PDB file of all heavy atoms in Angstrom:
ATOM      1  N   GLU A   1     193.325-211.419 -18.142  1.00  0.00           N
ATOM      2  CA  GLU A   1     192.488-211.353 -16.963  1.00  0.00           C
ATOM      3  C   GLU A   1     192.956-212.302 -15.874  1.00  0.00           C
ATOM      4  O   GLU A   1     192.917-212.054 -14.688  1.00  0.00           O
ATOM      5  CB  GLU A   1     191.028-211.685 -17.245  1.00  0.00           C
ATOM      6  CG  GLU A   1     190.044-211.778 -16.020  1.00  0.00           C
ATOM      7  CD  GLU A   1     189.950-210.559 -15.324  1.00  0.00           C
ATOM      8  OE1 GLU A   1     190.268-209.418 -15.695  1.00  0.00           O
ATOM      9  OE2 GLU A   1     189.445-210.634 -14.189  1.00  0.00           O
ATOM     10  N   ILE A   2     193.413-213.568 -16.433  1.00  0.00           N
ATOM     11  CA  ILE A   2     194.013-214.446 -15.401  1.00  0.00           C
ATOM     12  C   ILE A   2     195.291-213.870 -14.717  1.00  0.00           C
ATOM     13  O   ILE A   2     195.437-214.084 -13.536  1.00  0.00           O
ATOM     14  CB  ILE A   2     194.358-215.845 -16.114  1.00  0.00           C
ATOM     15  CG1 ILE A   2     193.174-216.512 -16.676  1.00  0.00           C
ATOM     16  CG2 ILE A   2     195.200-216.727 -15.281  1.00  0.00           C
ATOM     17  CD1 ILE A   2     193.348-217.848 -17.560  1.00  0.00           C
ATOM     18  N   LEU A   3     196.148-213.179 -15.541  1.00  0.00           N
ATOM     19  CA  LEU A   3     197.312-212.612 -14.976  1.00  0.00           C
ATOM     20  C   LEU A   3     196.904-211.466 -14.024  1.00  0.00           C
ATOM     21  O   LEU A   3     197.619-211.328 -12.985  1.00  0.00           O
ATOM     22  CB  LEU A   3     198.109-211.992 -16.149  1.00  0.00           C
ATOM     23  CG  LEU A   3     198.877-212.955 -16.982  1.00  0.00           C
ATOM     24  CD1 LEU A   3     199.468-212.325 -18.177  1.00  0.00           C
ATOM     25  CD2 LEU A   3     199.806-213.767 -16.155  1.00  0.00           C
ATOM     26  N   ARG A   4     195.850-210.815 -14.200  1.00  0.00           N
ATOM     27  CA  ARG A   4     195.473-209.725 -13.344  1.00  0.00           C
ATOM     28  C   ARG A   4     195.069-210.302 -12.021  1.00  0.00           C
ATOM     29  O   ARG A   4     195.418-209.858 -10.860  1.00  0.00           O
ATOM     30  CB  ARG A   4     194.282-208.908 -13.918  1.00  0.00           C
ATOM     31  CG  ARG A   4     193.856-207.737 -12.974  1.00  0.00           C
ATOM     32  CD  ARG A   4     192.419-207.232 -13.447  1.00  0.00           C
ATOM     33  NE  ARG A   4     191.388-208.193 -13.224  1.00  0.00           N
ATOM     34  CZ  ARG A   4     190.939-208.471 -11.906  1.00  0.00           C
ATOM     35  NH1 ARG A   4     191.324-207.806 -10.897  1.00  0.00           N
ATOM     36  NH2 ARG A   4     189.961-209.308 -11.881  1.00  0.00           N
ATOM     37  N   VAL A   5     194.240-211.352 -11.940  1.00  0.00           N
ATOM     38  CA  VAL A   5     193.910-212.118 -10.841  1.00  0.00           C
ATOM     39  C   VAL A   5     195.115-212.654 -10.059  1.00  0.00           C
ATOM     40  O   VAL A   5     195.186-212.568  -8.848  1.00  0.00           O
ATOM     41  CB  VAL A   5     192.960-213.243 -11.076  1.00  0.00           C
ATOM     42  CG1 VAL A   5     192.699-214.180  -9.836  1.00  0.00           C
ATOM     43  CG2 VAL A   5     191.586-212.745 -11.735  1.00  0.00           C
ATOM     44  N   GLN A   6     196.069-213.191 -10.748  1.00  0.00           N
ATOM     45  CA  GLN A   6     197.217-213.553 -10.146  1.00  0.00           C
ATOM     46  C   GLN A   6     198.071-212.390  -9.448  1.00  0.00           C
ATOM     47  O   GLN A   6     198.485-212.527  -8.379  1.00  0.00           O
ATOM     48  CB  GLN A   6     198.131-214.327 -11.210  1.00  0.00           C
ATOM     49  CG  GLN A   6     199.229-215.297 -10.656  1.00  0.00           C
ATOM     50  CD  GLN A   6     198.636-216.293  -9.781  1.00  0.00           C
ATOM     51  OE1 GLN A   6     198.082-217.293 -10.329  1.00  0.00           O
ATOM     52  NE2 GLN A   6     198.852-216.316  -8.413  1.00  0.00           N
ATOM     53  N   LYS A   7     198.156-211.326 -10.158  1.00  0.00           N
ATOM     54  CA  LYS A   7     198.846-210.109  -9.666  1.00  0.00           C
ATOM     55  C   LYS A   7     198.200-209.670  -8.364  1.00  0.00           C
ATOM     56  O   LYS A   7     198.866-209.261  -7.492  1.00  0.00           O
ATOM     57  CB  LYS A   7     198.864-209.078 -10.761  1.00  0.00           C
ATOM     58  CG  LYS A   7     199.644-207.838 -10.307  1.00  0.00           C
ATOM     59  CD  LYS A   7     199.537-206.741 -11.436  1.00  0.00           C
ATOM     60  CE  LYS A   7     200.312-205.459 -10.933  1.00  0.00           C
ATOM     61  NZ  LYS A   7     200.237-204.400 -11.933  1.00  0.00           N
ATOM     62  N   ASP A   8     196.755-209.637  -8.428  1.00  0.00           N
ATOM     63  CA  ASP A   8     196.172-209.207  -7.166  1.00  0.00           C
ATOM     64  C   ASP A   8     196.475-210.101  -6.108  1.00  0.00           C
ATOM     65  O   ASP A   8     196.537-209.669  -4.866  1.00  0.00           O
ATOM     66  CB  ASP A   8     194.634-209.348  -7.393  1.00  0.00           C
ATOM     67  CG  ASP A   8     194.037-208.182  -8.436  1.00  0.00           C
ATOM     68  OD1 ASP A   8     194.828-207.335  -8.538  1.00  0.00           O
ATOM     69  OD2 ASP A   8     192.897-208.281  -8.888  1.00  0.00           O
ATOM     70  N   TYR A   9     196.712-211.441  -6.384  1.00  0.00           N
ATOM     71  CA  TYR A   9     196.988-212.402  -5.258  1.00  0.00           C
ATOM     72  C   TYR A   9     198.377-211.916  -4.571  1.00  0.00           C
ATOM     73  O   TYR A   9     198.502-212.016  -3.406  1.00  0.00           O
ATOM     74  CB  TYR A   9     197.049-213.820  -5.790  1.00  0.00           C
ATOM     75  CG  TYR A   9     197.376-214.743  -4.729  1.00  0.00           C
ATOM     76  CD1 TYR A   9     196.693-215.047  -3.558  1.00  0.00           C
ATOM     77  CD2 TYR A   9     198.608-215.519  -4.875  1.00  0.00           C
ATOM     78  CE1 TYR A   9     197.046-216.004  -2.554  1.00  0.00           C
ATOM     79  CE2 TYR A   9     199.046-216.430  -3.846  1.00  0.00           C
ATOM     80  CZ  TYR A   9     198.208-216.700  -2.797  1.00  0.00           C
ATOM     81  OH  TYR A   9     198.625-217.573  -1.779  1.00  0.00           O
ATOM     82  N   PHE A  10     199.348-211.798  -5.493  1.00  0.00           N
ATOM     83  CA  PHE A  10     200.749-211.307  -4.866  1.00  0.00           C
ATOM     84  C   PHE A  10     200.552-210.096  -4.215  1.00  0.00           C
ATOM     85  O   PHE A  10     201.219-209.976  -3.182  1.00  0.00           O
ATOM     86  CB  PHE A  10     201.675-211.198  -6.071  1.00  0.00           C
ATOM     87  CG  PHE A  10     201.995-212.448  -6.807  1.00  0.00           C
ATOM     88  CD1 PHE A  10     202.152-212.396  -8.320  1.00  0.00           C
ATOM     89  CD2 PHE A  10     202.079-213.629  -6.257  1.00  0.00           C
ATOM     90  CE1 PHE A  10     202.408-213.553  -9.045  1.00  0.00           C
ATOM     91  CE2 PHE A  10     202.350-214.811  -6.950  1.00  0.00           C
ATOM     92  CZ  PHE A  10     202.410-214.743  -8.421  1.00  0.00           C
ATOM     93  N   GLU A  11     199.841-209.158  -4.601  1.00  0.00           N
ATOM     94  CA  GLU A  11     199.670-207.927  -3.903  1.00  0.00           C
ATOM     95  C   GLU A  11     198.968-208.152  -2.622  1.00  0.00           C
ATOM     96  O   GLU A  11     199.151-207.465  -1.554  1.00  0.00           O
ATOM     97  CB  GLU A  11     198.926-206.829  -4.807  1.00  0.00           C
ATOM     98  CG  GLU A  11     199.726-206.441  -5.969  1.00  0.00           C
ATOM     99  CD  GLU A  11     199.013-205.407  -6.882  1.00  0.00           C
ATOM    100  OE1 GLU A  11     197.719-205.243  -6.629  1.00  0.00           O
ATOM    101  OE2 GLU A  11     199.554-204.834  -7.752  1.00  0.00           O
ATOM    102  N   SER A  12     197.993-209.026  -2.582  1.00  0.00           N
ATOM    103  CA  SER A  12     197.322-209.315  -1.306  1.00  0.00           C
ATOM    104  C   SER A  12     198.215-209.963  -0.255  1.00  0.00           C
ATOM    105  O   SER A  12     198.135-209.613   0.972  1.00  0.00           O
ATOM    106  CB  SER A  12     196.132-210.305  -1.564  1.00  0.00           C
ATOM    107  OG  SER A  12     195.281-209.696  -2.390  1.00  0.00           O
ATOM    108  N   LEU A  13     199.257-210.712  -0.768  1.00  0.00           N
ATOM    109  CA  LEU A  13     200.161-211.311   0.228  1.00  0.00           C
ATOM    110  C   LEU A  13     201.084-210.226   0.799  1.00  0.00           C
ATOM    111  O   LEU A  13     201.269-210.173   2.052  1.00  0.00           O
ATOM    112  CB  LEU A  13     201.131-212.252  -0.587  1.00  0.00           C
ATOM    113  CG  LEU A  13     200.443-213.625  -1.036  1.00  0.00           C
ATOM    114  CD1 LEU A  13     201.505-214.420  -1.768  1.00  0.00           C
ATOM    115  CD2 LEU A  13     199.898-214.383   0.221  1.00  0.00           C
ATOM    116  N   THR A  14     201.577-209.329  -0.015  1.00  0.00           N
ATOM    117  CA  THR A  14     202.338-208.221   0.520  1.00  0.00           C
ATOM    118  C   THR A  14     201.581-207.293   1.408  1.00  0.00           C
ATOM    119  O   THR A  14     202.183-206.689   2.224  1.00  0.00           O
ATOM    120  CB  THR A  14     203.065-207.414  -0.703  1.00  0.00           C
ATOM    121  OG1 THR A  14     201.952-206.836  -1.467  1.00  0.00           O
ATOM    122  CG2 THR A  14     203.802-208.366  -1.511  1.00  0.00           C
ATOM    123  N   SER A  15     200.243-207.222   1.262  1.00  0.00           N
ATOM    124  CA  SER A  15     199.515-206.287   2.105  1.00  0.00           C
ATOM    125  C   SER A  15     199.157-206.727   3.505  1.00  0.00           C
ATOM    126  O   SER A  15     198.772-205.994   4.299  1.00  0.00           O
ATOM    127  CB  SER A  15     198.246-206.005   1.343  1.00  0.00           C
ATOM    128  OG  SER A  15     197.234-207.128   1.458  1.00  0.00           O
ATOM    129  N   ILE A  16     199.402-208.039   3.805  1.00  0.00           N
ATOM    130  CA  ILE A  16     199.229-208.563   5.079  1.00  0.00           C
ATOM    131  C   ILE A  16     200.233-208.247   6.256  1.00  0.00           C
ATOM    132  O   ILE A  16     200.101-208.533   7.383  1.00  0.00           O
ATOM    133  CB  ILE A  16     198.833-210.073   5.087  1.00  0.00           C
ATOM    134  CG1 ILE A  16     200.024-210.864   4.458  1.00  0.00           C
ATOM    135  CG2 ILE A  16     197.675-210.381   4.313  1.00  0.00           C
ATOM    136  CD1 ILE A  16     199.800-212.318   4.511  1.00  0.00           C
ATOM    137  N   LYS A  17     201.238-207.519   5.697  1.00  0.00           N
ATOM    138  CA  LYS A  17     202.189-206.783   6.571  1.00  0.00           C
ATOM    139  C   LYS A  17     202.852-207.583   7.704  1.00  0.00           C
ATOM    140  O   LYS A  17     203.802-208.326   7.475  1.00  0.00           O
ATOM    141  CB  LYS A  17     201.587-205.594   7.168  1.00  0.00           C
ATOM    142  CG  LYS A  17     201.230-204.533   6.201  1.00  0.00           C
ATOM    143  CD  LYS A  17     200.576-203.182   6.797  1.00  0.00           C
ATOM    144  CE  LYS A  17     200.339-202.196   5.672  1.00  0.00           C
ATOM    145  NZ  LYS A  17     199.744-201.018   6.209  1.00  0.00           N
ATOM    146  N   ASP A  18     202.237-207.752   8.916  1.00  0.00           N
ATOM    147  CA  ASP A  18     202.838-208.492   9.954  1.00  0.00           C
ATOM    148  C   ASP A  18     202.874-210.033   9.728  1.00  0.00           C
ATOM    149  O   ASP A  18     203.561-210.710  10.493  1.00  0.00           O
ATOM    150  CB  ASP A  18     202.154-208.164  11.360  1.00  0.00           C
ATOM    151  CG  ASP A  18     200.735-208.552  11.384  1.00  0.00           C
ATOM    152  OD1 ASP A  18     200.122-208.837  10.334  1.00  0.00           O
ATOM    153  OD2 ASP A  18     200.054-208.428  12.443  1.00  0.00           O
ATOM    154  N   SER A  19     202.245-210.462   8.731  1.00  0.00           N
ATOM    155  CA  SER A  19     202.392-211.863   8.269  1.00  0.00           C
ATOM    156  C   SER A  19     203.127-212.190   7.066  1.00  0.00           C
ATOM    157  O   SER A  19     203.214-213.218   6.467  1.00  0.00           O
ATOM    158  CB  SER A  19     201.000-212.490   8.180  1.00  0.00           C
ATOM    159  OG  SER A  19     200.300-212.695   9.455  1.00  0.00           O
ATOM    160  N   PHE A  20     203.770-211.018   6.632  1.00  0.00           N
ATOM    161  CA  PHE A  20     204.705-211.061   5.454  1.00  0.00           C
ATOM    162  C   PHE A  20     206.017-210.444   5.805  1.00  0.00           C
ATOM    163  O   PHE A  20     206.133-209.287   6.183  1.00  0.00           O
ATOM    164  CB  PHE A  20     203.908-210.208   4.281  1.00  0.00           C
ATOM    165  CG  PHE A  20     204.636-210.238   3.045  1.00  0.00           C
ATOM    166  CD1 PHE A  20     204.364-211.228   2.168  1.00  0.00           C
ATOM    167  CD2 PHE A  20     205.568-209.163   2.763  1.00  0.00           C
ATOM    168  CE1 PHE A  20     205.021-211.207   0.855  1.00  0.00           C
ATOM    169  CE2 PHE A  20     206.214-209.109   1.568  1.00  0.00           C
ATOM    170  CZ  PHE A  20     205.988-210.191   0.532  1.00  0.00           C
ATOM    171  N   MET A  21     207.089-211.257   5.517  1.00  0.00           N
ATOM    172  CA  MET A  21     208.448-210.762   5.942  1.00  0.00           C
ATOM    173  C   MET A  21     209.398-210.788   4.852  1.00  0.00           C
ATOM    174  O   MET A  21     209.729-211.864   4.392  1.00  0.00           O
ATOM    175  CB  MET A  21     209.027-211.665   7.110  1.00  0.00           C
ATOM    176  CG  MET A  21     210.409-211.207   7.505  1.00  0.00           C
ATOM    177  SD  MET A  21     211.035-212.453   8.854  1.00  0.00           S
ATOM    178  CE  MET A  21     209.949-212.095  10.218  1.00  0.00           C
ATOM    179  N   PRO A  22     209.839-209.720   4.262  1.00  0.00           N
ATOM    180  CA  PRO A  22     210.857-209.866   3.255  1.00  0.00           C
ATOM    181  C   PRO A  22     212.140-210.298   3.872  1.00  0.00           C
ATOM    182  O   PRO A  22     212.584-209.771   5.059  1.00  0.00           O
ATOM    183  CB  PRO A  22     210.948-208.197   2.789  1.00  0.00           C
ATOM    184  CG  PRO A  22     209.733-207.639   3.225  1.00  0.00           C
ATOM    185  CD  PRO A  22     209.291-208.332   4.521  1.00  0.00           C
ATOM    186  N   ILE A  23     212.891-211.180   3.180  1.00  0.00           N
ATOM    187  CA  ILE A  23     214.140-211.617   3.669  1.00  0.00           C
ATOM    188  C   ILE A  23     215.162-211.119   2.750  1.00  0.00           C
ATOM    189  O   ILE A  23     215.286-211.275   1.564  1.00  0.00           O
ATOM    190  CB  ILE A  23     214.217-213.142   3.604  1.00  0.00           C
ATOM    191  CG1 ILE A  23     212.992-213.866   4.267  1.00  0.00           C
ATOM    192  CG2 ILE A  23     215.490-213.713   4.005  1.00  0.00           C
ATOM    193  CD1 ILE A  23     213.015-213.513   5.791  1.00  0.00           C
ATOM    194  N   THR A  24     216.029-210.166   3.409  1.00  0.00           N
ATOM    195  CA  THR A  24     217.026-209.518   2.536  1.00  0.00           C
ATOM    196  C   THR A  24     218.483-209.683   3.018  1.00  0.00           C
ATOM    197  O   THR A  24     219.360-209.388   2.232  1.00  0.00           O
ATOM    198  CB  THR A  24     216.846-207.961   2.724  1.00  0.00           C
ATOM    199  OG1 THR A  24     216.956-207.560   4.043  1.00  0.00           O
ATOM    200  CG2 THR A  24     215.439-207.539   2.231  1.00  0.00           C
ATOM    201  N   THR A  25     218.706-210.383   4.119  1.00  0.00           N
ATOM    202  CA  THR A  25     220.137-210.730   4.475  1.00  0.00           C
ATOM    203  C   THR A  25     220.077-212.029   5.221  1.00  0.00           C
ATOM    204  O   THR A  25     219.002-212.518   5.658  1.00  0.00           O
ATOM    205  CB  THR A  25     220.588-209.737   5.631  1.00  0.00           C
ATOM    206  OG1 THR A  25     219.842-209.742   6.800  1.00  0.00           O
ATOM    207  CG2 THR A  25     220.486-208.228   5.082  1.00  0.00           C
ATOM    208  N   ASN A  26     221.276-212.629   5.432  1.00  0.00           N
ATOM    209  CA  ASN A  26     221.417-213.830   6.161  1.00  0.00           C
ATOM    210  C   ASN A  26     220.875-213.614   7.631  1.00  0.00           C
ATOM    211  O   ASN A  26     220.497-214.648   8.286  1.00  0.00           O
ATOM    212  CB  ASN A  26     222.863-214.370   6.183  1.00  0.00           C
ATOM    213  CG  ASN A  26     223.165-215.182   4.886  1.00  0.00           C
ATOM    214  OD1 ASN A  26     222.229-215.840   4.410  1.00  0.00           O
ATOM    215  ND2 ASN A  26     224.345-215.064   4.516  1.00  0.00           N
ATOM    216  N   GLY A  27     221.054-212.517   8.095  1.00  0.00           N
ATOM    217  CA  GLY A  27     220.524-212.140   9.536  1.00  0.00           C
ATOM    218  C   GLY A  27     219.098-212.418   9.630  1.00  0.00           C
ATOM    219  O   GLY A  27     218.626-212.840  10.609  1.00  0.00           O
ATOM    220  N   ASP A  28     218.285-212.130   8.571  1.00  0.00           N
ATOM    221  CA  ASP A  28     216.809-212.386   8.594  1.00  0.00           C
ATOM    222  C   ASP A  28     216.571-213.920   8.770  1.00  0.00           C
ATOM    223  O   ASP A  28     215.779-214.286   9.493  1.00  0.00           O
ATOM    224  CB  ASP A  28     216.224-211.823   7.421  1.00  0.00           C
ATOM    225  CG  ASP A  28     216.245-210.344   7.329  1.00  0.00           C
ATOM    226  OD1 ASP A  28     216.274-209.580   8.392  1.00  0.00           O
ATOM    227  OD2 ASP A  28     216.346-209.752   6.166  1.00  0.00           O
ATOM    228  N   VAL A  29     217.357-214.644   8.040  1.00  0.00           N
ATOM    229  CA  VAL A  29     217.243-216.169   8.019  1.00  0.00           C
ATOM    230  C   VAL A  29     217.609-216.609   9.457  1.00  0.00           C
ATOM    231  O   VAL A  29     216.983-217.510   9.966  1.00  0.00           O
ATOM    232  CB  VAL A  29     218.025-216.799   6.964  1.00  0.00           C
ATOM    233  CG1 VAL A  29     217.818-218.265   6.844  1.00  0.00           C
ATOM    234  CG2 VAL A  29     217.657-216.207   5.559  1.00  0.00           C
ATOM    235  N   ASP A  30     218.781-216.160   9.912  1.00  0.00           N
ATOM    236  CA  ASP A  30     219.234-216.552  11.200  1.00  0.00           C
ATOM    237  C   ASP A  30     218.149-216.212  12.300  1.00  0.00           C
ATOM    238  O   ASP A  30     217.993-217.041  13.234  1.00  0.00           O
ATOM    239  CB  ASP A  30     220.544-215.730  11.573  1.00  0.00           C
ATOM    240  CG  ASP A  30     221.704-216.293  10.781  1.00  0.00           C
ATOM    241  OD1 ASP A  30     221.592-217.429  10.244  1.00  0.00           O
ATOM    242  OD2 ASP A  30     222.745-215.479  10.676  1.00  0.00           O
ATOM    243  N   LYS A  31     217.497-215.194  12.253  1.00  0.00           N
ATOM    244  CA  LYS A  31     216.446-214.835  13.131  1.00  0.00           C
ATOM    245  C   LYS A  31     215.340-215.797  13.135  1.00  0.00           C
ATOM    246  O   LYS A  31     214.766-216.130  14.214  1.00  0.00           O
ATOM    247  CB  LYS A  31     215.949-213.340  12.792  1.00  0.00           C
ATOM    248  CG  LYS A  31     214.973-212.799  13.857  1.00  0.00           C
ATOM    249  CD  LYS A  31     214.742-211.266  13.555  1.00  0.00           C
ATOM    250  CE  LYS A  31     213.765-210.748  14.604  1.00  0.00           C
ATOM    251  NZ  LYS A  31     213.461-209.263  14.380  1.00  0.00           N
ATOM    252  N   LEU A  32     214.961-216.291  11.977  1.00  0.00           N
ATOM    253  CA  LEU A  32     213.912-217.308  11.846  1.00  0.00           C
ATOM    254  C   LEU A  32     214.396-218.465  12.485  1.00  0.00           C
ATOM    255  O   LEU A  32     213.608-219.160  13.105  1.00  0.00           O
ATOM    256  CB  LEU A  32     213.610-217.572  10.353  1.00  0.00           C
ATOM    257  CG  LEU A  32     212.794-216.421   9.641  1.00  0.00           C
ATOM    258  CD1 LEU A  32     212.793-216.638   8.053  1.00  0.00           C
ATOM    259  CD2 LEU A  32     211.410-216.226  10.165  1.00  0.00           C
ATOM    260  N   LEU A  33     215.726-218.949  12.210  1.00  0.00           N
ATOM    261  CA  LEU A  33     216.255-220.099  12.911  1.00  0.00           C
ATOM    262  C   LEU A  33     216.301-220.014  14.395  1.00  0.00           C
ATOM    263  O   LEU A  33     215.753-220.873  15.121  1.00  0.00           O
ATOM    264  CB  LEU A  33     217.678-220.338  12.369  1.00  0.00           C
ATOM    265  CG  LEU A  33     218.473-221.572  12.909  1.00  0.00           C
ATOM    266  CD1 LEU A  33     217.844-222.796  12.401  1.00  0.00           C
ATOM    267  CD2 LEU A  33     219.902-221.445  12.551  1.00  0.00           C
ATOM    268  N   HIS A  34     216.721-218.858  14.836  1.00  0.00           N
ATOM    269  CA  HIS A  34     216.938-218.780  16.297  1.00  0.00           C
ATOM    270  C   HIS A  34     215.624-218.784  17.094  1.00  0.00           C
ATOM    271  O   HIS A  34     215.465-219.082  18.268  1.00  0.00           O
ATOM    272  CB  HIS A  34     217.798-217.561  16.629  1.00  0.00           C
ATOM    273  CG  HIS A  34     219.199-217.662  16.136  1.00  0.00           C
ATOM    274  ND1 HIS A  34     219.951-216.611  15.820  1.00  0.00           N
ATOM    275  CD2 HIS A  34     219.913-218.740  15.919  1.00  0.00           C
ATOM    276  CE1 HIS A  34     221.146-216.949  15.347  1.00  0.00           C
ATOM    277  NE2 HIS A  34     221.081-218.312  15.485  1.00  0.00           N
ATOM    278  N   ASN A  35     214.521-218.366  16.415  1.00  0.00           N
ATOM    279  CA  ASN A  35     213.226-218.311  17.016  1.00  0.00           C
ATOM    280  C   ASN A  35     212.304-219.470  16.639  1.00  0.00           C
ATOM    281  O   ASN A  35     211.175-219.519  17.044  1.00  0.00           O
ATOM    282  CB  ASN A  35     212.466-216.965  16.620  1.00  0.00           C
ATOM    283  CG  ASN A  35     212.967-215.740  17.215  1.00  0.00           C
ATOM    284  OD1 ASN A  35     212.732-215.411  18.451  1.00  0.00           O
ATOM    285  ND2 ASN A  35     213.897-215.004  16.583  1.00  0.00           N
ATOM    286  N   GLY A  36     212.869-220.482  16.063  1.00  0.00           N
ATOM    287  CA  GLY A  36     212.339-221.721  15.872  1.00  0.00           C
ATOM    288  C   GLY A  36     211.236-221.889  14.687  1.00  0.00           C
ATOM    289  O   GLY A  36     210.517-222.829  14.622  1.00  0.00           O
ATOM    290  N   TYR A  37     211.337-220.871  13.747  1.00  0.00           N
ATOM    291  CA  TYR A  37     210.461-220.898  12.601  1.00  0.00           C
ATOM    292  C   TYR A  37     210.861-221.928  11.666  1.00  0.00           C
ATOM    293  O   TYR A  37     210.098-222.504  10.827  1.00  0.00           O
ATOM    294  CB  TYR A  37     210.198-219.543  12.188  1.00  0.00           C
ATOM    295  CG  TYR A  37     209.357-218.687  13.005  1.00  0.00           C
ATOM    296  CD1 TYR A  37     209.946-217.722  13.735  1.00  0.00           C
ATOM    297  CD2 TYR A  37     207.967-218.708  12.969  1.00  0.00           C
ATOM    298  CE1 TYR A  37     209.233-216.946  14.654  1.00  0.00           C
ATOM    299  CE2 TYR A  37     207.176-217.886  13.821  1.00  0.00           C
ATOM    300  CZ  TYR A  37     207.737-217.000  14.568  1.00  0.00           C
ATOM    301  OH  TYR A  37     207.097-216.129  15.404  1.00  0.00           O
ATOM    302  N   ILE A  38     212.259-222.148  11.487  1.00  0.00           N
ATOM    303  CA  ILE A  38     212.786-223.055  10.626  1.00  0.00           C
ATOM    304  C   ILE A  38     213.867-223.810  11.353  1.00  0.00           C
ATOM    305  O   ILE A  38     214.315-223.292  12.452  1.00  0.00           O
ATOM    306  CB  ILE A  38     213.392-222.250   9.399  1.00  0.00           C
ATOM    307  CG1 ILE A  38     214.579-221.229   9.853  1.00  0.00           C
ATOM    308  CG2 ILE A  38     212.425-221.600   8.549  1.00  0.00           C
ATOM    309  CD1 ILE A  38     215.226-220.584   8.686  1.00  0.00           C
ATOM    310  N   THR A  39     214.333-224.852  10.794  1.00  0.00           N
ATOM    311  CA  THR A  39     215.416-225.709  11.404  1.00  0.00           C
ATOM    312  C   THR A  39     216.394-225.966  10.289  1.00  0.00           C
ATOM    313  O   THR A  39     216.104-225.887   9.154  1.00  0.00           O
ATOM    314  CB  THR A  39     214.915-227.018  12.033  1.00  0.00           C
ATOM    315  OG1 THR A  39     214.207-227.699  11.052  1.00  0.00           O
ATOM    316  CG2 THR A  39     213.948-226.629  13.037  1.00  0.00           C
ATOM    317  N   LYS A  40     217.594-226.477  10.710  1.00  0.00           N
ATOM    318  CA  LYS A  40     218.496-227.136   9.775  1.00  0.00           C
ATOM    319  C   LYS A  40     218.025-228.423   9.396  1.00  0.00           C
ATOM    320  O   LYS A  40     217.462-229.160  10.063  1.00  0.00           O
ATOM    321  CB  LYS A  40     219.914-227.086  10.214  1.00  0.00           C
ATOM    322  CG  LYS A  40     220.620-225.750  10.494  1.00  0.00           C
ATOM    323  CD  LYS A  40     222.071-225.867  10.910  1.00  0.00           C
ATOM    324  CE  LYS A  40     222.637-224.468  11.033  1.00  0.00           C
ATOM    325  NZ  LYS A  40     224.056-224.495  11.276  1.00  0.00           N
TER     326      LYS A  40
END
């Protein structure tokens, strides 16, 4: 049951869509850098 609650949390994160960004390439990381969300 604890694992089910935890799984629900992960699924809730993925469901928020425009506040959830999969990072699949270095280009995605570069985009975060160039827009000021992260720094070196």
